[in-house]
Amino acid sequence: MNNLNKDNHISQEVVDLVVARLKSMPENVAISIGGTSETFTTKEMIRNVEERNEFGHTMVKVQMNYLRSLQDLNTLSFL
């Protein structure tokens, strides 16, 4: 399932899901993605996702990939 439609637009439903997940994180968490030293607080991550900018798109991809990986765990034979 793709998070983006054909116009590279993130649906409001996906934005709401990712924002809810980010709001569940402690406020003092900071995340750095990629090879940069720049970090983002929980509030900054939420703002970027809501603005649907480049970093927001990256956060959506990261969060949705994580959720899909949890779903994939259900198909493993040892569970």
PDB file of N, CA and C in Angstrom:
ATOM      1  N   MET A   1       0.849  -1.187   0.000  1.00  0.00           N
ATOM      2  CA  MET A   1       0.000   0.000   0.000  1.00  0.00           C
ATOM      3  C   MET A   1       0.884   1.236   0.000  1.00  0.00           C
ATOM      4  N   ASN A   2       0.599   2.131  -0.878  1.00  0.00           N
ATOM      5  CA  ASN A   2       1.382   3.353  -1.001  1.00  0.00           C
ATOM      6  C   ASN A   2       0.753   4.436  -0.135  1.00  0.00           C
ATOM      7  N   ASN A   3       1.575   5.210   0.554  1.00  0.00           N
ATOM      8  CA  ASN A   3       1.083   6.288   1.415  1.00  0.00           C
ATOM      9  C   ASN A   3       0.702   7.522   0.617  1.00  0.00           C
ATOM     10  N   LEU A   4       1.173   7.604  -0.623  1.00  0.00           N
ATOM     11  CA  LEU A   4       0.980   8.787  -1.443  1.00  0.00           C
ATOM     12  C   LEU A   4       0.089   8.445  -2.624  1.00  0.00           C
ATOM     13  N   ASN A   5      -0.753   9.399  -3.036  1.00  0.00           N
ATOM     14  CA  ASN A   5      -1.529   9.162  -4.240  1.00  0.00           C
ATOM     15  C   ASN A   5      -0.694   9.544  -5.460  1.00  0.00           C
ATOM     16  N   LYS A   6      -1.291   9.497  -6.634  1.00  0.00           N
ATOM     17  CA  LYS A   6      -0.532   9.733  -7.867  1.00  0.00           C
ATOM     18  C   LYS A   6       0.061  11.136  -7.936  1.00  0.00           C
ATOM     19  N   ASP A   7      -0.461  12.083  -7.176  1.00  0.00           N
ATOM     20  CA  ASP A   7       0.054  13.456  -7.170  1.00  0.00           C
ATOM     21  C   ASP A   7       1.066  13.683  -6.050  1.00  0.00           C
ATOM     22  N   ASN A   8       1.561  12.587  -5.441  1.00  0.00           N
ATOM     23  CA  ASN A   8       2.535  12.676  -4.353  1.00  0.00           C
ATOM     24  C   ASN A   8       1.934  13.362  -3.126  1.00  0.00           C
ATOM     25  N   HIS A   9       0.655  13.145  -2.907  1.00  0.00           N
ATOM     26  CA  HIS A   9      -0.079  13.764  -1.798  1.00  0.00           C
ATOM     27  C   HIS A   9      -0.344  12.720  -0.718  1.00  0.00           C
ATOM     28  N   ILE A  10      -0.072  13.076   0.526  1.00  0.00           N
ATOM     29  CA  ILE A  10      -0.349  12.184   1.654  1.00  0.00           C
ATOM     30  C   ILE A  10      -1.795  12.410   2.087  1.00  0.00           C
ATOM     31  N   SER A  11      -2.546  11.335   2.232  1.00  0.00           N
ATOM     32  CA  SER A  11      -3.945  11.471   2.634  1.00  0.00           C
ATOM     33  C   SER A  11      -4.038  11.979   4.071  1.00  0.00           C
ATOM     34  N   GLN A  12      -5.136  12.641   4.377  1.00  0.00           N
ATOM     35  CA  GLN A  12      -5.362  13.153   5.728  1.00  0.00           C
ATOM     36  C   GLN A  12      -5.414  12.014   6.731  1.00  0.00           C
ATOM     37  N   GLU A  13      -5.960  10.892   6.329  1.00  0.00           N
ATOM     38  CA  GLU A  13      -6.042   9.724   7.215  1.00  0.00           C
ATOM     39  C   GLU A  13      -4.649   9.254   7.639  1.00  0.00           C
ATOM     40  N   VAL A  14      -3.718   9.216   6.701  1.00  0.00           N
ATOM     41  CA  VAL A  14      -2.347   8.797   7.007  1.00  0.00           C
ATOM     42  C   VAL A  14      -1.663   9.844   7.875  1.00  0.00           C
ATOM     43  N   VAL A  15      -1.858  11.122   7.562  1.00  0.00           N
ATOM     44  CA  VAL A  15      -1.284  12.195   8.380  1.00  0.00           C
ATOM     45  C   VAL A  15      -1.789  12.070   9.813  1.00  0.00           C
ATOM     46  N   ASP A  16      -3.088  11.866   9.979  1.00  0.00           N
ATOM     47  CA  ASP A  16      -3.671  11.741  11.319  1.00  0.00           C
ATOM     48  C   ASP A  16      -3.078  10.553  12.077  1.00  0.00           C
ATOM     49  N   LEU A  17      -2.889   9.432  11.390  1.00  0.00           N
ATOM     50  CA  LEU A  17      -2.312   8.251  12.024  1.00  0.00           C
ATOM     51  C   LEU A  17      -0.881   8.515  12.485  1.00  0.00           C
ATOM     52  N   VAL A  18      -0.073   9.102  11.614  1.00  0.00           N
ATOM     53  CA  VAL A  18       1.326   9.375  11.959  1.00  0.00           C
ATOM     54  C   VAL A  18       1.414  10.406  13.080  1.00  0.00           C
ATOM     55  N   VAL A  19       0.598  11.442  13.022  1.00  0.00           N
ATOM     56  CA  VAL A  19       0.596  12.455  14.084  1.00  0.00           C
ATOM     57  C   VAL A  19       0.204  11.815  15.418  1.00  0.00           C
ATOM     58  N   ALA A  20      -0.787  10.937  15.414  1.00  0.00           N
ATOM     59  CA  ALA A  20      -1.193  10.264  16.656  1.00  0.00           C
ATOM     60  C   ALA A  20      -0.047   9.428  17.217  1.00  0.00           C
ATOM     61  N   ARG A  21       0.678   8.738  16.352  1.00  0.00           N
ATOM     62  CA  ARG A  21       1.827   7.953  16.814  1.00  0.00           C
ATOM     63  C   ARG A  21       2.904   8.863  17.385  1.00  0.00           C
ATOM     64  N   LEU A  22       3.171   9.983  16.707  1.00  0.00           N
ATOM     65  CA  LEU A  22       4.203  10.906  17.187  1.00  0.00           C
ATOM     66  C   LEU A  22       3.799  11.539  18.515  1.00  0.00           C
ATOM     67  N   LYS A  23       2.515  11.830  18.691  1.00  0.00           N
ATOM     68  CA  LYS A  23       2.043  12.417  19.949  1.00  0.00           C
ATOM     69  C   LYS A  23       2.179  11.448  21.115  1.00  0.00           C
ATOM     70  N   SER A  24       2.253  10.159  20.817  1.00  0.00           N
ATOM     71  CA  SER A  24       2.411   9.170  21.888  1.00  0.00           C
ATOM     72  C   SER A  24       3.858   9.079  22.373  1.00  0.00           C
ATOM     73  N   MET A  25       4.775   9.714  21.657  1.00  0.00           N
ATOM     74  CA  MET A  25       6.187   9.705  22.042  1.00  0.00           C
ATOM     75  C   MET A  25       6.439  10.776  23.099  1.00  0.00           C
ATOM     76  N   PRO A  26       7.397  10.544  23.989  1.00  0.00           N
ATOM     77  CA  PRO A  26       7.751  11.580  24.965  1.00  0.00           C
ATOM     78  C   PRO A  26       8.208  12.856  24.256  1.00  0.00           C
ATOM     79  N   GLU A  27       7.883  14.003  24.832  1.00  0.00           N
ATOM     80  CA  GLU A  27       8.225  15.282  24.200  1.00  0.00           C
ATOM     81  C   GLU A  27       9.721  15.536  24.123  1.00  0.00           C
ATOM     82  N   ASN A  28      10.491  14.881  24.972  1.00  0.00           N
ATOM     83  CA  ASN A  28      11.936  15.138  24.978  1.00  0.00           C
ATOM     84  C   ASN A  28      12.703  14.262  23.985  1.00  0.00           C
ATOM     85  N   VAL A  29      11.994  13.484  23.176  1.00  0.00           N
ATOM     86  CA  VAL A  29      12.635  12.650  22.159  1.00  0.00           C
ATOM     87  C   VAL A  29      13.053  13.527  20.990  1.00  0.00           C
ATOM     88  N   ALA A  30      14.248  13.282  20.487  1.00  0.00           N
ATOM     89  CA  ALA A  30      14.729  13.962  19.284  1.00  0.00           C
ATOM     90  C   ALA A  30      15.230  12.898  18.323  1.00  0.00           C
ATOM     91  N   ILE A  31      14.906  13.061  17.048  1.00  0.00           N
ATOM     92  CA  ILE A  31      15.271  12.076  16.034  1.00  0.00           C
ATOM     93  C   ILE A  31      16.063  12.750  14.931  1.00  0.00           C
ATOM     94  N   SER A  32      17.076  12.043  14.458  1.00  0.00           N
ATOM     95  CA  SER A  32      17.854  12.480  13.305  1.00  0.00           C
ATOM     96  C   SER A  32      17.714  11.413  12.233  1.00  0.00           C
ATOM     97  N   ILE A  33      17.406  11.831  11.026  1.00  0.00           N
ATOM     98  CA  ILE A  33      17.252  10.891   9.917  1.00  0.00           C
ATOM     99  C   ILE A  33      18.265  11.251   8.849  1.00  0.00           C
ATOM    100  N   GLY A  34      18.963  10.250   8.385  1.00  0.00           N
ATOM    101  CA  GLY A  34      19.956  10.480   7.344  1.00  0.00           C
ATOM    102  C   GLY A  34      21.311  10.781   7.938  1.00  0.00           C
ATOM    103  N   GLY A  35      22.184  11.279   7.106  1.00  0.00           N
ATOM    104  CA  GLY A  35      23.557  11.512   7.524  1.00  0.00           C
ATOM    105  C   GLY A  35      23.814  12.886   8.098  1.00  0.00           C
ATOM    106  N   THR A  36      22.774  13.620   8.445  1.00  0.00           N
ATOM    107  CA  THR A  36      22.968  14.964   8.979  1.00  0.00           C
ATOM    108  C   THR A  36      22.977  14.938  10.498  1.00  0.00           C
ATOM    109  N   SER A  37      23.475  15.991  11.083  1.00  0.00           N
ATOM    110  CA  SER A  37      23.472  16.101  12.542  1.00  0.00           C
ATOM    111  C   SER A  37      22.228  16.829  13.043  1.00  0.00           C
ATOM    112  N   GLU A  38      21.366  17.248  12.137  1.00  0.00           N
ATOM    113  CA  GLU A  38      20.149  17.958  12.516  1.00  0.00           C
ATOM    114  C   GLU A  38      19.173  16.992  13.188  1.00  0.00           C
ATOM    115  N   THR A  39      18.627  17.413  14.324  1.00  0.00           N
ATOM    116  CA  THR A  39      17.643  16.600  15.032  1.00  0.00           C
ATOM    117  C   THR A  39      16.305  17.324  15.063  1.00  0.00           C
ATOM    118  N   PHE A  40      15.249  16.544  15.235  1.00  0.00           N
ATOM    119  CA  PHE A  40      13.896  17.079  15.271  1.00  0.00           C
ATOM    120  C   PHE A  40      13.217  16.613  16.548  1.00  0.00           C
ATOM    121  N   THR A  41      12.595  17.549  17.262  1.00  0.00           N
ATOM    122  CA  THR A  41      11.819  17.200  18.444  1.00  0.00           C
ATOM    123  C   THR A  41      10.481  16.615  18.005  1.00  0.00           C
ATOM    124  N   THR A  42       9.756  16.063  18.955  1.00  0.00           N
ATOM    125  CA  THR A  42       8.441  15.513  18.650  1.00  0.00           C
ATOM    126  C   THR A  42       7.542  16.578  18.035  1.00  0.00           C
ATOM    127  N   LYS A  43       7.531  17.775  18.610  1.00  0.00           N
ATOM    128  CA  LYS A  43       6.696  18.859  18.078  1.00  0.00           C
ATOM    129  C   LYS A  43       7.106  19.235  16.662  1.00  0.00           C
ATOM    130  N   GLU A  44       8.411  19.272  16.396  1.00  0.00           N
ATOM    131  CA  GLU A  44       8.890  19.603  15.049  1.00  0.00           C
ATOM    132  C   GLU A  44       8.509  18.514  14.046  1.00  0.00           C
ATOM    133  N   MET A  45       8.586  17.260  14.478  1.00  0.00           N
ATOM    134  CA  MET A  45       8.192  16.165  13.588  1.00  0.00           C
ATOM    135  C   MET A  45       6.713  16.272  13.234  1.00  0.00           C
ATOM    136  N   ILE A  46       5.880  16.541  14.232  1.00  0.00           N
ATOM    137  CA  ILE A  46       4.439  16.686  13.998  1.00  0.00           C
ATOM    138  C   ILE A  46       4.178  17.838  13.036  1.00  0.00           C
ATOM    139  N   ARG A  47       4.840  18.974  13.262  1.00  0.00           N
ATOM    140  CA  ARG A  47       4.648  20.130  12.384  1.00  0.00           C
ATOM    141  C   ARG A  47       5.025  19.787  10.942  1.00  0.00           C
ATOM    142  N   ASN A  48       6.143  19.098  10.757  1.00  0.00           N
ATOM    143  CA  ASN A  48       6.590  18.735   9.411  1.00  0.00           C
ATOM    144  C   ASN A  48       5.637  17.758   8.732  1.00  0.00           C
ATOM    145  N   VAL A  49       5.105  16.809   9.481  1.00  0.00           N
ATOM    146  CA  VAL A  49       4.130  15.875   8.909  1.00  0.00           C
ATOM    147  C   VAL A  49       2.870  16.632   8.505  1.00  0.00           C
ATOM    148  N   GLU A  50       2.382  17.519   9.375  1.00  0.00           N
ATOM    149  CA  GLU A  50       1.177  18.291   9.062  1.00  0.00           C
ATOM    150  C   GLU A  50       1.388  19.219   7.870  1.00  0.00           C
ATOM    151  N   GLU A  51       2.602  19.750   7.718  1.00  0.00           N
ATOM    152  CA  GLU A  51       2.910  20.620   6.579  1.00  0.00           C
ATOM    153  C   GLU A  51       3.153  19.822   5.300  1.00  0.00           C
ATOM    154  N   ARG A  52       3.326  18.515   5.451  1.00  0.00           N
ATOM    155  CA  ARG A  52       3.559  17.617   4.316  1.00  0.00           C
ATOM    156  C   ARG A  52       4.784  18.025   3.494  1.00  0.00           C
ATOM    157  N   ASN A  53       5.806  18.514   4.183  1.00  0.00           N
ATOM    158  CA  ASN A  53       7.036  18.897   3.486  1.00  0.00           C
ATOM    159  C   ASN A  53       7.928  17.664   3.316  1.00  0.00           C
ATOM    160  N   GLU A  54       9.154  17.868   2.817  1.00  0.00           N
ATOM    161  CA  GLU A  54      10.038  16.739   2.522  1.00  0.00           C
ATOM    162  C   GLU A  54      10.315  15.885   3.760  1.00  0.00           C
ATOM    163  N   PHE A  55      10.637  16.532   4.876  1.00  0.00           N
ATOM    164  CA  PHE A  55      10.887  15.765   6.093  1.00  0.00           C
ATOM    165  C   PHE A  55       9.608  15.081   6.569  1.00  0.00           C
ATOM    166  N   GLY A  56       8.479  15.758   6.436  1.00  0.00           N
ATOM    167  CA  GLY A  56       7.201  15.151   6.808  1.00  0.00           C
ATOM    168  C   GLY A  56       6.920  13.894   6.008  1.00  0.00           C
ATOM    169  N   HIS A  57       7.216  13.932   4.705  1.00  0.00           N
ATOM    170  CA  HIS A  57       7.044  12.747   3.859  1.00  0.00           C
ATOM    171  C   HIS A  57       7.948  11.616   4.345  1.00  0.00           C
ATOM    172  N   THR A  58       9.176  11.965   4.727  1.00  0.00           N
ATOM    173  CA  THR A  58      10.106  10.952   5.231  1.00  0.00           C
ATOM    174  C   THR A  58       9.566  10.323   6.506  1.00  0.00           C
ATOM    175  N   MET A  59       9.052  11.142   7.410  1.00  0.00           N
ATOM    176  CA  MET A  59       8.495  10.612   8.660  1.00  0.00           C
ATOM    177  C   MET A  59       7.303   9.694   8.389  1.00  0.00           C
ATOM    178  N   VAL A  60       6.460  10.062   7.439  1.00  0.00           N
ATOM    179  CA  VAL A  60       5.318   9.213   7.086  1.00  0.00           C
ATOM    180  C   VAL A  60       5.825   7.865   6.579  1.00  0.00           C
ATOM    181  N   LYS A  61       6.818   7.885   5.705  1.00  0.00           N
ATOM    182  CA  LYS A  61       7.361   6.626   5.179  1.00  0.00           C
ATOM    183  C   LYS A  61       7.944   5.766   6.293  1.00  0.00           C
ATOM    184  N   VAL A  62       8.696   6.379   7.198  1.00  0.00           N
ATOM    185  CA  VAL A  62       9.303   5.638   8.308  1.00  0.00           C
ATOM    186  C   VAL A  62       8.221   5.013   9.186  1.00  0.00           C
ATOM    187  N   GLN A  63       7.228   5.797   9.572  1.00  0.00           N
ATOM    188  CA  GLN A  63       6.177   5.303  10.457  1.00  0.00           C
ATOM    189  C   GLN A  63       5.341   4.212   9.785  1.00  0.00           C
ATOM    190  N   MET A  64       4.988   4.407   8.519  1.00  0.00           N
ATOM    191  CA  MET A  64       4.173   3.416   7.824  1.00  0.00           C
ATOM    192  C   MET A  64       4.959   2.128   7.586  1.00  0.00           C
ATOM    193  N   ASN A  65       6.240   2.229   7.294  1.00  0.00           N
ATOM    194  CA  ASN A  65       7.067   1.027   7.146  1.00  0.00           C
ATOM    195  C   ASN A  65       7.137   0.262   8.463  1.00  0.00           C
ATOM    196  N   TYR A  66       7.245   0.991   9.566  1.00  0.00           N
ATOM    197  CA  TYR A  66       7.259   0.350  10.883  1.00  0.00           C
ATOM    198  C   TYR A  66       5.945  -0.397  11.131  1.00  0.00           C
ATOM    199  N   LEU A  67       4.828   0.258  10.859  1.00  0.00           N
ATOM    200  CA  LEU A  67       3.533  -0.384  11.079  1.00  0.00           C
ATOM    201  C   LEU A  67       3.373  -1.619  10.196  1.00  0.00           C
ATOM    202  N   ARG A  68       3.830  -1.547   8.959  1.00  0.00           N
ATOM    203  CA  ARG A  68       3.765  -2.707   8.068  1.00  0.00           C
ATOM    204  C   ARG A  68       4.635  -3.851   8.593  1.00  0.00           C
ATOM    205  N   SER A  69       5.778  -3.516   9.176  1.00  0.00           N
ATOM    206  CA  SER A  69       6.655  -4.568   9.703  1.00  0.00           C
ATOM    207  C   SER A  69       5.978  -5.303  10.857  1.00  0.00           C
ATOM    208  N   LEU A  70       5.181  -4.602  11.638  1.00  0.00           N
ATOM    209  CA  LEU A  70       4.434  -5.258  12.716  1.00  0.00           C
ATOM    210  C   LEU A  70       3.402  -6.223  12.144  1.00  0.00           C
ATOM    211  N   GLN A  71       2.769  -5.817  11.072  1.00  0.00           N
ATOM    212  CA  GLN A  71       1.793  -6.679  10.416  1.00  0.00           C
ATOM    213  C   GLN A  71       2.483  -7.923   9.864  1.00  0.00           C
ATOM    214  N   ASP A  72       3.670  -7.757   9.312  1.00  0.00           N
ATOM    215  CA  ASP A  72       4.416  -8.885   8.753  1.00  0.00           C
ATOM    216  C   ASP A  72       4.810  -9.890   9.822  1.00  0.00           C
ATOM    217  N   LEU A  73       4.980  -9.442  11.066  1.00  0.00           N
ATOM    218  CA  LEU A  73       5.319 -10.365  12.152  1.00  0.00           C
ATOM    219  C   LEU A  73       4.241 -11.423  12.350  1.00  0.00           C
ATOM    220  N   ASN A  74       3.003 -11.069  12.063  1.00  0.00           N
ATOM    221  CA  ASN A  74       1.901 -12.020  12.228  1.00  0.00           C
ATOM    222  C   ASN A  74       2.013 -13.209  11.290  1.00  0.00           C
ATOM    223  N   THR A  75       2.751 -13.075  10.212  1.00  0.00           N
ATOM    224  CA  THR A  75       2.860 -14.158   9.241  1.00  0.00           C
ATOM    225  C   THR A  75       4.028 -15.091   9.532  1.00  0.00           C
ATOM    226  N   LEU A  76       4.850 -14.772  10.519  1.00  0.00           N
ATOM    227  CA  LEU A  76       5.986 -15.626  10.848  1.00  0.00           C
ATOM    228  C   LEU A  76       5.509 -16.893  11.550  1.00  0.00           C
ATOM    229  N   SER A  77       6.133 -18.009  11.232  1.00  0.00           N
ATOM    230  CA  SER A  77       5.665 -19.303  11.738  1.00  0.00           C
ATOM    231  C   SER A  77       5.908 -19.504  13.229  1.00  0.00           C
ATOM    232  N   PHE A  78       6.883 -18.814  13.806  1.00  0.00           N
ATOM    233  CA  PHE A  78       7.184 -19.045  15.218  1.00  0.00           C
ATOM    234  C   PHE A  78       6.274 -18.285  16.160  1.00  0.00           C
ATOM    235  N   LEU A  79       5.400 -17.468  15.663  1.00  0.00           N
ATOM    236  CA  LEU A  79       4.502 -16.709  16.541  1.00  0.00           C
ATOM    237  C   LEU A  79       3.235 -17.447  16.793  1.00  0.00           C
TER     238      LEU A  79
END
